[in-house]
Protein backbone atom coordinates (compact mmCIF):
# COMPACT_ATOMS: atom_id res chain seq x y z
CA MET A 1 0.00 0.00 0.00
CA PRO A 2 1.45 3.46 -0.84
CA ALA A 3 2.38 5.92 1.89
CA LEU A 4 -0.46 8.26 2.82
CA ASN A 5 1.84 11.20 3.64
CA ALA A 6 0.29 12.78 6.70
CA GLN A 7 3.56 14.51 7.71
CA LEU A 8 2.00 16.49 10.51
CA ASN A 9 4.85 18.74 11.69
CA GLY A 10 2.88 19.78 14.78
CA ARG A 11 -0.52 19.74 13.10
CA GLU A 12 -3.29 17.27 13.77
CA LEU A 13 -4.72 14.58 11.54
CA LYS A 14 -7.66 15.39 9.28
CA PRO A 15 -10.99 13.72 10.02
CA SER A 16 -10.73 11.66 6.83
CA GLN A 17 -7.30 10.39 7.92
CA ARG A 18 -8.68 9.48 11.34
CA ALA A 19 -11.47 7.48 9.68
CA ILE A 20 -8.94 5.59 7.54
CA ILE A 21 -6.85 4.84 10.62
CA HIS A 22 -9.91 3.56 12.47
CA GLY A 23 -10.92 1.37 9.52
CA MET A 24 -7.44 -0.08 9.19
CA ALA A 25 -7.32 -0.86 12.92
CA ILE A 26 -10.70 -2.63 12.75
CA ALA A 27 -9.42 -4.60 9.76
CA GLY A 28 -6.58 -5.87 11.94
CA THR A 29 -3.64 -3.77 10.73
CA LYS A 30 -1.10 -3.20 13.48
CA SER A 31 -0.62 0.36 14.68
CA ALA A 32 3.09 0.31 13.78
CA ALA A 33 2.22 -0.52 10.17
CA ILE A 34 -0.44 2.22 10.07
CA ALA A 35 2.11 4.67 11.49
CA ARG A 36 4.58 3.78 8.74
CA MET A 37 1.92 4.29 6.07
CA PHE A 38 0.99 7.71 7.42
CA LYS A 39 4.62 8.59 8.25
CA VAL A 40 3.73 9.50 11.84
CA HIS A 41 4.77 8.15 15.22
CA ARG A 42 3.05 5.06 16.67
CA SER A 43 1.80 7.10 19.63
CA THR A 44 -0.13 9.35 17.22
CA ILE A 45 -2.00 6.31 15.94
CA SER A 46 -2.72 4.93 19.40
CA ARG A 47 -3.92 8.32 20.69
CA THR A 48 -6.13 8.71 17.64
CA LEU A 49 -7.68 5.30 18.22
CA GLN A 50 -8.22 6.00 21.92
CA ALA A 51 -9.72 9.46 21.41
CA HIS A 52 -11.81 8.96 18.27
CA GLY A 53 -12.24 5.23 17.81
CA PRO A 54 -15.05 4.16 20.16
CA ALA A 55 -17.47 6.92 19.22
CA ASN A 56 -16.77 6.76 15.47
CA ASN A 57 -16.68 10.55 15.62
CA PHE A 58 -13.68 11.78 13.70
CA LYS A 59 -14.38 15.51 13.88
CA ASP A 60 -11.94 17.92 15.49
CA LYS A 61 -12.56 18.44 19.19
CA LEU A 62 -13.58 21.86 20.43
CA ARG A 63 -10.86 23.76 22.20
CA SER A 64 -11.16 26.04 25.13
CA GLY A 65 -10.09 29.60 24.85
CA ARG A 66 -10.69 32.94 26.38
CA PRO A 67 -14.18 34.21 25.58
CA ARG A 68 -14.42 37.44 23.65
CA LYS A 69 -15.08 40.55 25.70
CA THR A 70 -17.13 42.19 22.95
CA THR A 71 -20.04 40.94 20.92
CA SER A 72 -20.11 41.18 17.15
CA ARG A 73 -22.71 43.93 17.50
CA GLN A 74 -20.37 45.98 19.67
CA ASP A 75 -17.55 45.38 17.21
CA ASP A 76 -19.74 46.66 14.38
CA ARG A 77 -20.69 49.80 16.31
CA VAL A 78 -17.06 50.62 17.13
CA TYR A 79 -15.97 49.99 13.55
CA LYS A 80 -18.72 52.24 12.17
CA LYS A 81 -17.66 55.07 14.47
CA ILE A 82 -14.04 54.73 13.39
CA ARG A 83 -14.79 54.19 9.70
CA ASN A 84 -16.80 57.40 9.44
CA GLY A 85 -13.56 59.30 9.94
CA TYR A 86 -14.83 61.17 12.99
CA PHE A 87 -12.22 59.48 15.17
CA ALA A 88 -8.82 59.20 13.59
CA ARG A 89 -6.16 59.28 16.29
CA ARG A 90 -5.42 57.09 19.29
CA HIS A 91 -6.81 59.53 21.87
CA PRO A 92 -10.31 59.60 20.35
CA LEU A 93 -10.29 55.79 20.27
CA ALA A 94 -10.11 55.96 24.06
CA GLU A 95 -13.21 58.17 23.94
CA VAL A 96 -15.00 55.58 21.81
CA GLN A 97 -13.94 52.92 24.28
CA GLN A 98 -15.35 54.90 27.21
CA ASN A 99 -18.63 55.64 25.44
CA LEU A 100 -19.41 52.32 23.74
CA VAL A 101 -17.53 49.54 25.54
CA PRO A 102 -16.03 50.69 28.83
CA ASN A 103 -15.09 47.17 29.98
CA VAL A 104 -12.62 46.67 27.11
CA SER A 105 -9.11 48.04 26.61
CA VAL A 106 -8.14 50.33 23.76
CA ARG A 107 -5.76 47.66 22.45
CA THR A 108 -8.65 45.20 22.16
CA LEU A 109 -10.56 47.77 20.11
CA GLN A 110 -7.54 48.21 17.85
CA ARG A 111 -7.46 44.44 17.26
CA ARG A 112 -11.19 44.35 16.48
CA ILE A 113 -10.76 47.14 13.93
CA GLN A 114 -7.85 45.27 12.34
CA GLU A 115 -10.01 42.13 12.15
CA LYS A 116 -12.79 44.05 10.41
CA GLN A 117 -10.40 45.66 7.96
CA ASN A 118 -8.59 42.35 7.45
CA ILE A 119 -5.23 43.95 8.18
CA ARG A 120 -2.29 41.62 8.59
CA LYS A 121 0.26 42.25 11.29
CA CYS A 122 3.18 42.54 8.88
CA PRO A 123 1.96 43.74 5.49
CA THR A 124 4.02 42.74 2.51
CA THR A 125 5.97 45.43 0.71
CA GLU A 126 6.99 45.51 -2.90
CA ARG A 127 10.71 45.69 -3.37
CA PRO A 128 12.31 46.80 -6.61
CA PHE A 129 14.46 44.40 -8.55
CA LEU A 130 18.16 45.07 -8.73
CA ASN A 131 19.31 46.54 -11.98
CA ASP A 132 22.84 46.18 -13.35
CA SER A 133 24.21 49.28 -11.62
CA HIS A 134 22.91 48.04 -8.25
CA LYS A 135 24.57 44.69 -8.80
CA GLN A 136 27.88 46.41 -9.62
CA GLN A 137 27.66 48.54 -6.49
CA ARG A 138 27.06 45.47 -4.34
CA LEU A 139 30.08 43.70 -5.78
CA GLU A 140 32.38 46.65 -5.04
C-alpha cells in the first residue's frame, strides 16, 4: 500500500485520515504498520484510536479559549464610528472605548478594527528588482 503522507509537523490529523486509521485498525492492521503508512509516530495512531475510535466521531474536538469581551454587534458599532472618519487618532479611540464599551481596553478595540479591515500584522511590501548598476555597487 502506498504511503499516505500525513507529515504532521505539529498539526493534527484530518478527520478523513482518522477514519482511515480507524478502519485499518478494525481490519486488523497493526498500529506500527499504520504509522509507517501515514509517516507519523506510533503514539499518534494509538492516541487517535483512543480518542476517536469508540465513538466513530472523527471531527476535530472543540478547544477552550478565552471568551471574547465584545459581541459582534459591539464590534460593528465601534468599527462604524471609526470608519466614518470622525475618530482618527489614538486619543479619540479611548473616547469611543469609554462611550461604547467601557469594559474593554483600547488595544482590544484596535485588534477588532484590524479584524474588520482584514489587516495583517506585517503587510508585505513591494521591493524593486536590482538593476545592473545596483549589482555592480554590491560587488564593489
